[in-house]
Amino acid sequence: MKDQNLKGFLKMNGNTFLGLVKVFYTNLIVDGENMYSHVKGVEMEITPTVWTTITGLKFSGARINKGNTSVVENFN
C-alpha cells in the first residue's frame, strides 16, 4: 500500500450507501479507459480525469513485476 501511495485513499470517509454501491458495480461497463454505469436513472461516464479528481489516485497503476523479477519489494 505504501509503495502505491494508497494511504490517502484508505483514509477516505463519509456516508456510504451500500445499496447504491452495489447497483453501481452491477451496472458497471469498462470500455477502454472509460467506465460507464447508471444508478437510479443517472448515467455516469468516469474518465481518467474524473477518476483522479475524485480519488486522488493515478489512473495507471504501478507495475508489480517485470518478467520474473518483482518491482515491489516482498510482494507475494
Protein backbone atom coordinates (compact mmCIF):
# COMPACT_ATOMS: atom_id res chain seq x y z
CA MET A 1 0.00 0.00 0.00
CA LYS A 2 2.85 2.37 0.86
CA ASP A 3 4.60 1.81 -2.50
CA GLN A 4 1.39 2.60 -4.39
CA ASN A 5 0.59 5.74 -2.32
CA LEU A 6 -2.81 4.39 -1.25
CA LYS A 7 -2.71 5.77 2.30
CA GLY A 8 -4.97 8.75 1.48
CA PHE A 9 -7.43 6.52 -0.38
CA LEU A 10 -7.71 4.15 2.58
CA LYS A 11 -8.42 7.05 4.96
CA MET A 12 -11.36 8.39 2.90
CA ASN A 13 -14.50 8.61 4.98
CA GLY A 14 -18.06 9.82 4.73
CA ASN A 15 -21.52 8.40 4.16
CA THR A 16 -21.62 5.12 2.26
CA PHE A 17 -24.82 3.87 0.69
CA LEU A 18 -24.11 0.18 0.17
CA GLY A 19 -27.24 -0.43 -1.93
CA LEU A 20 -26.22 2.29 -4.40
CA VAL A 21 -22.65 0.98 -4.50
CA LYS A 22 -23.95 -2.49 -5.37
CA VAL A 23 -26.14 -1.10 -8.19
CA PHE A 24 -23.22 1.00 -9.48
CA TYR A 25 -20.91 -2.04 -9.75
CA THR A 26 -23.66 -4.28 -11.10
CA ASN A 27 -24.20 -1.86 -13.99
CA LEU A 28 -20.51 -1.02 -14.50
CA ILE A 29 -19.09 -1.31 -18.03
CA VAL A 30 -15.41 -0.70 -18.76
CA ASP A 31 -14.70 0.42 -22.32
CA GLY A 32 -11.06 1.23 -22.93
CA GLU A 33 -10.03 3.89 -20.40
CA ASN A 34 -13.58 4.99 -19.54
CA MET A 35 -16.07 3.42 -17.15
CA TYR A 36 -19.83 3.72 -17.52
CA SER A 37 -22.64 2.97 -15.09
CA HIS A 38 -26.10 4.14 -14.17
CA VAL A 39 -27.86 4.35 -10.84
CA LYS A 40 -31.47 5.45 -10.31
CA GLY A 41 -31.72 6.79 -13.87
CA VAL A 42 -28.46 8.76 -13.67
CA GLU A 43 -25.96 7.89 -16.42
CA MET A 44 -22.30 8.22 -15.42
CA GLU A 45 -19.14 8.32 -17.51
CA ILE A 46 -15.96 8.10 -15.47
CA THR A 47 -12.94 9.23 -17.45
CA PRO A 48 -9.33 9.08 -16.22
CA THR A 49 -9.61 12.79 -15.32
CA VAL A 50 -12.77 12.23 -13.25
CA TRP A 51 -11.18 9.20 -11.54
CA THR A 52 -8.03 11.07 -10.49
CA THR A 53 -10.05 14.10 -9.32
CA ILE A 54 -12.38 12.05 -7.12
CA THR A 55 -9.91 9.56 -5.67
CA GLY A 56 -6.61 11.42 -5.80
CA LEU A 57 -5.11 8.24 -7.29
CA LYS A 58 -3.17 7.88 -10.50
CA PHE A 59 -5.18 6.30 -13.31
CA SER A 60 -2.33 3.97 -14.28
CA GLY A 61 -1.06 1.59 -11.65
CA ALA A 62 2.45 0.59 -10.65
CA ARG A 63 3.93 -2.49 -12.26
CA ILE A 64 4.11 -5.34 -9.75
CA ASN A 65 6.65 -7.38 -11.68
CA LYS A 66 8.89 -7.20 -14.69
CA GLY A 67 9.39 -10.64 -16.15
CA ASN A 68 10.25 -12.87 -13.19
CA THR A 69 11.63 -10.00 -11.07
CA SER A 70 9.38 -8.27 -8.52
CA VAL A 71 9.37 -4.47 -8.81
CA VAL A 72 7.67 -4.09 -5.42
CA GLU A 73 9.88 -5.49 -2.68
CA ASN A 74 8.48 -8.56 -0.85
CA PHE A 75 5.32 -8.68 -2.97
CA ASN A 76 3.53 -12.03 -2.86
